[in-house]
Amino acid sequence: MTPREVTDQQATTWTCVQAYAGGLADKQIENAAAKLAENTDGTVPVVCTPSGGAQTVRLELDKNWLEDLSDEDLLVAIAAARSEA
């Protein structure tokens, strides 16, 4: 799974990737892992790691988040997760 980067208003760059999907050597295994990670409501776990001192956040996003979610909406989801922590 390809990571996605967004930068917030504090100049923190967040690198987000679907949990359990990246870094596997075989594309077929990676796709199977991504499918298993999908929740029954069509969401998937996504982990966003900051470039600075902020804490990593875990999100539940629509399975098409990589292509369909705008940068602004992704930043809103990150901010909401940080305020809940």
PDB file of N, CA and C in Angstrom:
ATOM      1  N   MET A   1       0.853  -1.170   0.000  1.00  0.00           N
ATOM      2  CA  MET A   1       0.000   0.000   0.000  1.00  0.00           C
ATOM      3  C   MET A   1       0.898   1.231   0.000  1.00  0.00           C
ATOM      4  N   THR A   2       0.554   2.177  -0.790  1.00  0.00           N
ATOM      5  CA  THR A   2       1.322   3.402  -0.927  1.00  0.00           C
ATOM      6  C   THR A   2       1.043   4.340   0.240  1.00  0.00           C
ATOM      7  N   PRO A   3       2.084   4.902   0.853  1.00  0.00           N
ATOM      8  CA  PRO A   3       1.839   5.892   1.911  1.00  0.00           C
ATOM      9  C   PRO A   3       1.358   7.211   1.301  1.00  0.00           C
ATOM     10  N   ARG A   4       0.657   7.968   2.095  1.00  0.00           N
ATOM     11  CA  ARG A   4       0.181   9.287   1.661  1.00  0.00           C
ATOM     12  C   ARG A   4       0.642  10.324   2.667  1.00  0.00           C
ATOM     13  N   GLU A   5       1.133  11.453   2.168  1.00  0.00           N
ATOM     14  CA  GLU A   5       1.613  12.515   3.045  1.00  0.00           C
ATOM     15  C   GLU A   5       0.738  13.753   2.920  1.00  0.00           C
ATOM     16  N   VAL A   6       0.456  14.365   4.075  1.00  0.00           N
ATOM     17  CA  VAL A   6      -0.246  15.644   4.143  1.00  0.00           C
ATOM     18  C   VAL A   6       0.463  16.504   5.179  1.00  0.00           C
ATOM     19  N   THR A   7       0.398  17.814   4.997  1.00  0.00           N
ATOM     20  CA  THR A   7       1.040  18.739   5.931  1.00  0.00           C
ATOM     21  C   THR A   7      -0.011  19.650   6.534  1.00  0.00           C
ATOM     22  N   ASP A   8       0.004  19.750   7.873  1.00  0.00           N
ATOM     23  CA  ASP A   8      -0.990  20.574   8.563  1.00  0.00           C
ATOM     24  C   ASP A   8      -0.522  22.018   8.687  1.00  0.00           C
ATOM     25  N   GLN A   9      -1.332  22.851   9.329  1.00  0.00           N
ATOM     26  CA  GLN A   9      -1.031  24.277   9.464  1.00  0.00           C
ATOM     27  C   GLN A   9       0.155  24.552  10.387  1.00  0.00           C
ATOM     28  N   GLN A  10       0.546  23.577  11.198  1.00  0.00           N
ATOM     29  CA  GLN A  10       1.709  23.730  12.070  1.00  0.00           C
ATOM     30  C   GLN A  10       2.983  23.228  11.379  1.00  0.00           C
ATOM     31  N   ALA A  11       2.891  22.943  10.081  1.00  0.00           N
ATOM     32  CA  ALA A  11       4.008  22.461   9.256  1.00  0.00           C
ATOM     33  C   ALA A  11       4.473  21.065   9.651  1.00  0.00           C
ATOM     34  N   THR A  12       3.596  20.299  10.279  1.00  0.00           N
ATOM     35  CA  THR A  12       3.887  18.896  10.571  1.00  0.00           C
ATOM     36  C   THR A  12       3.443  18.069   9.375  1.00  0.00           C
ATOM     37  N   THR A  13       4.351  17.279   8.837  1.00  0.00           N
ATOM     38  CA  THR A  13       4.008  16.385   7.739  1.00  0.00           C
ATOM     39  C   THR A  13       3.616  15.040   8.320  1.00  0.00           C
ATOM     40  N   TRP A  14       2.445  14.578   7.944  1.00  0.00           N
ATOM     41  CA  TRP A  14       1.902  13.303   8.415  1.00  0.00           C
ATOM     42  C   TRP A  14       2.010  12.288   7.292  1.00  0.00           C
ATOM     43  N   THR A  15       2.585  11.142   7.584  1.00  0.00           N
ATOM     44  CA  THR A  15       2.658  10.044   6.632  1.00  0.00           C
ATOM     45  C   THR A  15       1.645   8.996   7.075  1.00  0.00           C
ATOM     46  N   CYS A  16       0.668   8.740   6.214  1.00  0.00           N
ATOM     47  CA  CYS A  16      -0.424   7.832   6.561  1.00  0.00           C
ATOM     48  C   CYS A  16      -0.367   6.592   5.675  1.00  0.00           C
ATOM     49  N   VAL A  17      -0.612   5.456   6.291  1.00  0.00           N
ATOM     50  CA  VAL A  17      -0.620   4.183   5.564  1.00  0.00           C
ATOM     51  C   VAL A  17      -1.649   3.262   6.196  1.00  0.00           C
ATOM     52  N   GLN A  18      -2.280   2.457   5.354  1.00  0.00           N
ATOM     53  CA  GLN A  18      -3.244   1.493   5.870  1.00  0.00           C
ATOM     54  C   GLN A  18      -2.508   0.455   6.699  1.00  0.00           C
ATOM     55  N   ALA A  19      -2.966   0.242   7.908  1.00  0.00           N
ATOM     56  CA  ALA A  19      -2.322  -0.708   8.817  1.00  0.00           C
ATOM     57  C   ALA A  19      -2.422  -2.121   8.255  1.00  0.00           C
ATOM     58  N   TYR A  20      -1.374  -2.894   8.463  1.00  0.00           N
ATOM     59  CA  TYR A  20      -1.270  -4.296   8.058  1.00  0.00           C
ATOM     60  C   TYR A  20      -1.185  -4.500   6.558  1.00  0.00           C
ATOM     61  N   ALA A  21      -1.034  -3.431   5.778  1.00  0.00           N
ATOM     62  CA  ALA A  21      -1.029  -3.614   4.328  1.00  0.00           C
ATOM     63  C   ALA A  21       0.324  -3.345   3.700  1.00  0.00           C
ATOM     64  N   GLY A  22       1.152  -2.556   4.306  1.00  0.00           N
ATOM     65  CA  GLY A  22       2.395  -2.177   3.654  1.00  0.00           C
ATOM     66  C   GLY A  22       3.574  -3.020   4.056  1.00  0.00           C
ATOM     67  N   GLY A  23       4.580  -3.023   3.200  1.00  0.00           N
ATOM     68  CA  GLY A  23       5.840  -3.653   3.529  1.00  0.00           C
ATOM     69  C   GLY A  23       5.913  -5.144   3.302  1.00  0.00           C
ATOM     70  N   LEU A  24       4.883  -5.741   2.758  1.00  0.00           N
ATOM     71  CA  LEU A  24       4.928  -7.169   2.504  1.00  0.00           C
ATOM     72  C   LEU A  24       5.581  -7.416   1.148  1.00  0.00           C
ATOM     73  N   ALA A  25       6.378  -8.453   1.051  1.00  0.00           N
ATOM     74  CA  ALA A  25       7.184  -8.697  -0.139  1.00  0.00           C
ATOM     75  C   ALA A  25       6.343  -9.072  -1.351  1.00  0.00           C
ATOM     76  N   ASP A  26       5.280  -9.771  -1.171  1.00  0.00           N
ATOM     77  CA  ASP A  26       4.465 -10.274  -2.269  1.00  0.00           C
ATOM     78  C   ASP A  26       3.187  -9.455  -2.370  1.00  0.00           C
ATOM     79  N   LYS A  27       2.894  -8.911  -3.548  1.00  0.00           N
ATOM     80  CA  LYS A  27       1.715  -8.069  -3.755  1.00  0.00           C
ATOM     81  C   LYS A  27       0.424  -8.832  -3.453  1.00  0.00           C
ATOM     82  N   GLN A  28       0.385 -10.119  -3.776  1.00  0.00           N
ATOM     83  CA  GLN A  28      -0.797 -10.934  -3.514  1.00  0.00           C
ATOM     84  C   GLN A  28      -1.032 -11.066  -2.003  1.00  0.00           C
ATOM     85  N   ILE A  29       0.039 -11.251  -1.251  1.00  0.00           N
ATOM     86  CA  ILE A  29      -0.059 -11.333   0.213  1.00  0.00           C
ATOM     87  C   ILE A  29      -0.501  -9.989   0.778  1.00  0.00           C
ATOM     88  N   GLU A  30       0.056  -8.899   0.235  1.00  0.00           N
ATOM     89  CA  GLU A  30      -0.311  -7.562   0.690  1.00  0.00           C
ATOM     90  C   GLU A  30      -1.797  -7.306   0.465  1.00  0.00           C
ATOM     91  N   ASN A  31      -2.320  -7.673  -0.697  1.00  0.00           N
ATOM     92  CA  ASN A  31      -3.745  -7.476  -0.990  1.00  0.00           C
ATOM     93  C   ASN A  31      -4.620  -8.299  -0.057  1.00  0.00           C
ATOM     94  N   ALA A  32      -4.195  -9.523   0.243  1.00  0.00           N
ATOM     95  CA  ALA A  32      -4.948 -10.378   1.167  1.00  0.00           C
ATOM     96  C   ALA A  32      -4.949  -9.784   2.565  1.00  0.00           C
ATOM     97  N   ALA A  33      -3.819  -9.256   3.008  1.00  0.00           N
ATOM     98  CA  ALA A  33      -3.728  -8.629   4.327  1.00  0.00           C
ATOM     99  C   ALA A  33      -4.622  -7.396   4.399  1.00  0.00           C
ATOM    100  N   ALA A  34      -4.639  -6.600   3.336  1.00  0.00           N
ATOM    101  CA  ALA A  34      -5.491  -5.412   3.304  1.00  0.00           C
ATOM    102  C   ALA A  34      -6.963  -5.800   3.387  1.00  0.00           C
ATOM    103  N   LYS A  35      -7.346  -6.858   2.689  1.00  0.00           N
ATOM    104  CA  LYS A  35      -8.733  -7.321   2.719  1.00  0.00           C
ATOM    105  C   LYS A  35      -9.120  -7.803   4.112  1.00  0.00           C
ATOM    106  N   LEU A  36      -8.220  -8.515   4.777  1.00  0.00           N
ATOM    107  CA  LEU A  36      -8.491  -9.000   6.127  1.00  0.00           C
ATOM    108  C   LEU A  36      -8.595  -7.863   7.132  1.00  0.00           C
ATOM    109  N   ALA A  37      -7.890  -6.766   6.866  1.00  0.00           N
ATOM    110  CA  ALA A  37      -7.900  -5.636   7.794  1.00  0.00           C
ATOM    111  C   ALA A  37      -9.169  -4.800   7.658  1.00  0.00           C
ATOM    112  N   GLU A  38      -9.936  -4.994   6.581  1.00  0.00           N
ATOM    113  CA  GLU A  38     -11.157  -4.220   6.363  1.00  0.00           C
ATOM    114  C   GLU A  38     -12.223  -4.602   7.380  1.00  0.00           C
ATOM    115  N   ASN A  39     -12.830  -3.592   7.992  1.00  0.00           N
ATOM    116  CA  ASN A  39     -13.903  -3.805   8.961  1.00  0.00           C
ATOM    117  C   ASN A  39     -15.226  -4.094   8.250  1.00  0.00           C
ATOM    118  N   THR A  40     -16.193  -4.606   8.969  1.00  0.00           N
ATOM    119  CA  THR A  40     -17.484  -4.946   8.375  1.00  0.00           C
ATOM    120  C   THR A  40     -18.238  -3.724   7.864  1.00  0.00           C
ATOM    121  N   ASP A  41     -17.912  -2.537   8.370  1.00  0.00           N
ATOM    122  CA  ASP A  41     -18.587  -1.321   7.910  1.00  0.00           C
ATOM    123  C   ASP A  41     -17.879  -0.665   6.724  1.00  0.00           C
ATOM    124  N   GLY A  42     -16.889  -1.345   6.145  1.00  0.00           N
ATOM    125  CA  GLY A  42     -16.191  -0.819   4.970  1.00  0.00           C
ATOM    126  C   GLY A  42     -15.045   0.114   5.277  1.00  0.00           C
ATOM    127  N   THR A  43     -14.698   0.230   6.558  1.00  0.00           N
ATOM    128  CA  THR A  43     -13.567   1.079   6.922  1.00  0.00           C
ATOM    129  C   THR A  43     -12.320   0.221   7.123  1.00  0.00           C
ATOM    130  N   VAL A  44     -11.179   0.891   7.093  1.00  0.00           N
ATOM    131  CA  VAL A  44      -9.905   0.212   7.316  1.00  0.00           C
ATOM    132  C   VAL A  44      -9.096   1.003   8.337  1.00  0.00           C
ATOM    133  N   PRO A  45      -8.225   0.326   9.092  1.00  0.00           N
ATOM    134  CA  PRO A  45      -7.358   1.046  10.027  1.00  0.00           C
ATOM    135  C   PRO A  45      -6.234   1.735   9.262  1.00  0.00           C
ATOM    136  N   VAL A  46      -6.007   2.997   9.602  1.00  0.00           N
ATOM    137  CA  VAL A  46      -4.954   3.798   8.981  1.00  0.00           C
ATOM    138  C   VAL A  46      -4.122   4.405  10.094  1.00  0.00           C
ATOM    139  N   VAL A  47      -2.803   4.311   9.970  1.00  0.00           N
ATOM    140  CA  VAL A  47      -1.894   4.887  10.953  1.00  0.00           C
ATOM    141  C   VAL A  47      -1.193   6.076  10.313  1.00  0.00           C
ATOM    142  N   CYS A  48      -1.221   7.218  11.011  1.00  0.00           N
ATOM    143  CA  CYS A  48      -0.568   8.432  10.530  1.00  0.00           C
ATOM    144  C   CYS A  48       0.544   8.812  11.504  1.00  0.00           C
ATOM    145  N   THR A  49       1.753   8.919  10.969  1.00  0.00           N
ATOM    146  CA  THR A  49       2.936   9.212  11.771  1.00  0.00           C
ATOM    147  C   THR A  49       3.434  10.613  11.434  1.00  0.00           C
ATOM    148  N   PRO A  50       3.687  11.444  12.457  1.00  0.00           N
ATOM    149  CA  PRO A  50       4.110  12.820  12.214  1.00  0.00           C
ATOM    150  C   PRO A  50       5.616  12.941  11.998  1.00  0.00           C
ATOM    151  N   SER A  51       6.002  14.038  11.358  1.00  0.00           N
ATOM    152  CA  SER A  51       7.421  14.310  11.137  1.00  0.00           C
ATOM    153  C   SER A  51       8.085  14.904  12.370  1.00  0.00           C
ATOM    154  N   GLY A  52       7.315  15.537  13.242  1.00  0.00           N
ATOM    155  CA  GLY A  52       7.876  16.210  14.412  1.00  0.00           C
ATOM    156  C   GLY A  52       7.613  15.458  15.690  1.00  0.00           C
ATOM    157  N   GLY A  53       7.349  16.200  16.758  1.00  0.00           N
ATOM    158  CA  GLY A  53       7.184  15.607  18.066  1.00  0.00           C
ATOM    159  C   GLY A  53       5.774  15.159  18.407  1.00  0.00           C
ATOM    160  N   ALA A  54       4.837  15.322  17.469  1.00  0.00           N
ATOM    161  CA  ALA A  54       3.460  14.909  17.750  1.00  0.00           C
ATOM    162  C   ALA A  54       3.369  13.387  17.821  1.00  0.00           C
ATOM    163  N   GLN A  55       2.290  12.908  18.417  1.00  0.00           N
ATOM    164  CA  GLN A  55       2.092  11.475  18.604  1.00  0.00           C
ATOM    165  C   GLN A  55       1.388  10.863  17.388  1.00  0.00           C
ATOM    166  N   THR A  56       1.770   9.644  17.041  1.00  0.00           N
ATOM    167  CA  THR A  56       1.123   8.893  15.975  1.00  0.00           C
ATOM    168  C   THR A  56      -0.353   8.718  16.303  1.00  0.00           C
ATOM    169  N   VAL A  57      -1.202   8.784  15.260  1.00  0.00           N
ATOM    170  CA  VAL A  57      -2.635   8.584  15.465  1.00  0.00           C
ATOM    171  C   VAL A  57      -3.116   7.416  14.612  1.00  0.00           C
ATOM    172  N   ARG A  58      -4.151   6.764  15.093  1.00  0.00           N
ATOM    173  CA  ARG A  58      -4.778   5.649  14.379  1.00  0.00           C
ATOM    174  C   ARG A  58      -6.186   6.086  14.010  1.00  0.00           C
ATOM    175  N   LEU A  59      -6.542   5.912  12.747  1.00  0.00           N
ATOM    176  CA  LEU A  59      -7.837   6.328  12.231  1.00  0.00           C
ATOM    177  C   LEU A  59      -8.587   5.139  11.666  1.00  0.00           C
ATOM    178  N   GLU A  60      -9.885   5.252  11.559  1.00  0.00           N
ATOM    179  CA  GLU A  60     -10.725   4.299  10.831  1.00  0.00           C
ATOM    180  C   GLU A  60     -11.328   5.089   9.683  1.00  0.00           C
ATOM    181  N   LEU A  61     -10.890   4.792   8.467  1.00  0.00           N
ATOM    182  CA  LEU A  61     -11.326   5.545   7.294  1.00  0.00           C
ATOM    183  C   LEU A  61     -11.964   4.620   6.267  1.00  0.00           C
ATOM    184  N   ASP A  62     -12.741   5.213   5.362  1.00  0.00           N
ATOM    185  CA  ASP A  62     -13.330   4.444   4.274  1.00  0.00           C
ATOM    186  C   ASP A  62     -12.232   3.726   3.504  1.00  0.00           C
ATOM    187  N   LYS A  63     -12.518   2.521   3.010  1.00  0.00           N
ATOM    188  CA  LYS A  63     -11.478   1.721   2.359  1.00  0.00           C
ATOM    189  C   LYS A  63     -10.880   2.398   1.132  1.00  0.00           C
ATOM    190  N   ASN A  64     -11.541   3.384   0.566  1.00  0.00           N
ATOM    191  CA  ASN A  64     -11.020   4.126  -0.584  1.00  0.00           C
ATOM    192  C   ASN A  64     -10.377   5.452  -0.183  1.00  0.00           C
ATOM    193  N   TRP A  65      -9.944   5.567   1.068  1.00  0.00           N
ATOM    194  CA  TRP A  65      -9.407   6.818   1.584  1.00  0.00           C
ATOM    195  C   TRP A  65      -8.214   7.319   0.777  1.00  0.00           C
ATOM    196  N   LEU A  66      -7.397   6.439   0.296  1.00  0.00           N
ATOM    197  CA  LEU A  66      -6.169   6.839  -0.390  1.00  0.00           C
ATOM    198  C   LEU A  66      -6.480   7.652  -1.642  1.00  0.00           C
ATOM    199  N   GLU A  67      -7.516   7.252  -2.375  1.00  0.00           N
ATOM    200  CA  GLU A  67      -7.865   7.937  -3.616  1.00  0.00           C
ATOM    201  C   GLU A  67      -8.956   8.987  -3.432  1.00  0.00           C
ATOM    202  N   ASP A  68      -9.909   8.727  -2.528  1.00  0.00           N
ATOM    203  CA  ASP A  68     -11.122   9.536  -2.475  1.00  0.00           C
ATOM    204  C   ASP A  68     -11.152  10.609  -1.392  1.00  0.00           C
ATOM    205  N   LEU A  69     -10.392  10.458  -0.329  1.00  0.00           N
ATOM    206  CA  LEU A  69     -10.431  11.420   0.780  1.00  0.00           C
ATOM    207  C   LEU A  69      -9.526  12.608   0.463  1.00  0.00           C
ATOM    208  N   SER A  70     -10.071  13.807   0.569  1.00  0.00           N
ATOM    209  CA  SER A  70      -9.268  15.007   0.292  1.00  0.00           C
ATOM    210  C   SER A  70      -8.220  15.208   1.381  1.00  0.00           C
ATOM    211  N   ASP A  71      -7.178  15.956   1.054  1.00  0.00           N
ATOM    212  CA  ASP A  71      -6.142  16.269   2.045  1.00  0.00           C
ATOM    213  C   ASP A  71      -6.759  16.980   3.244  1.00  0.00           C
ATOM    214  N   GLU A  72      -7.680  17.904   2.971  1.00  0.00           N
ATOM    215  CA  GLU A  72      -8.304  18.657   4.051  1.00  0.00           C
ATOM    216  C   GLU A  72      -9.090  17.736   4.988  1.00  0.00           C
ATOM    217  N   ASP A  73      -9.837  16.793   4.415  1.00  0.00           N
ATOM    218  CA  ASP A  73     -10.612  15.869   5.240  1.00  0.00           C
ATOM    219  C   ASP A  73      -9.707  14.916   6.018  1.00  0.00           C
ATOM    220  N   LEU A  74      -8.590  14.528   5.423  1.00  0.00           N
ATOM    221  CA  LEU A  74      -7.636  13.685   6.136  1.00  0.00           C
ATOM    222  C   LEU A  74      -7.033  14.444   7.317  1.00  0.00           C
ATOM    223  N   LEU A  75      -6.703  15.714   7.111  1.00  0.00           N
ATOM    224  CA  LEU A  75      -6.171  16.530   8.210  1.00  0.00           C
ATOM    225  C   LEU A  75      -7.214  16.735   9.311  1.00  0.00           C
ATOM    226  N   VAL A  76      -8.485  16.877   8.935  1.00  0.00           N
ATOM    227  CA  VAL A  76      -9.561  16.999   9.928  1.00  0.00           C
ATOM    228  C   VAL A  76      -9.649  15.716  10.751  1.00  0.00           C
ATOM    229  N   ALA A  77      -9.556  14.566  10.095  1.00  0.00           N
ATOM    230  CA  ALA A  77      -9.617  13.284  10.803  1.00  0.00           C
ATOM    231  C   ALA A  77      -8.429  13.133  11.754  1.00  0.00           C
ATOM    232  N   ILE A  78      -7.252  13.567  11.323  1.00  0.00           N
ATOM    233  CA  ILE A  78      -6.051  13.511  12.184  1.00  0.00           C
ATOM    234  C   ILE A  78      -6.251  14.414  13.394  1.00  0.00           C
ATOM    235  N   ALA A  79      -6.729  15.630  13.169  1.00  0.00           N
ATOM    236  CA  ALA A  79      -6.944  16.582  14.272  1.00  0.00           C
ATOM    237  C   ALA A  79      -7.970  16.035  15.259  1.00  0.00           C
ATOM    238  N   ALA A  80      -9.041  15.408  14.751  1.00  0.00           N
ATOM    239  CA  ALA A  80     -10.069  14.860  15.624  1.00  0.00           C
ATOM    240  C   ALA A  80      -9.503  13.730  16.467  1.00  0.00           C
ATOM    241  N   ALA A  81      -8.687  12.859  15.852  1.00  0.00           N
ATOM    242  CA  ALA A  81      -8.077  11.747  16.595  1.00  0.00           C
ATOM    243  C   ALA A  81      -7.112  12.267  17.660  1.00  0.00           C
ATOM    244  N   ARG A  82      -6.408  13.327  17.346  1.00  0.00           N
ATOM    245  CA  ARG A  82      -5.467  13.890  18.337  1.00  0.00           C
ATOM    246  C   ARG A  82      -6.219  14.518  19.512  1.00  0.00           C
ATOM    247  N   SER A  83      -7.367  15.104  19.250  1.00  0.00           N
ATOM    248  CA  SER A  83      -8.123  15.736  20.348  1.00  0.00           C
ATOM    249  C   SER A  83      -8.780  14.701  21.252  1.00  0.00           C
ATOM    250  N   GLU A  84      -9.023  13.489  20.723  1.00  0.00           N
ATOM    251  CA  GLU A  84      -9.603  12.409  21.520  1.00  0.00           C
ATOM    252  C   GLU A  84      -8.571  11.728  22.406  1.00  0.00           C
ATOM    253  N   ALA A  85      -7.314  11.844  22.039  1.00  0.00           N
ATOM    254  CA  ALA A  85      -6.247  11.142  22.772  1.00  0.00           C
ATOM    255  C   ALA A  85      -5.955  11.779  24.110  1.00  0.00           C
TER     256      ALA A  85
END
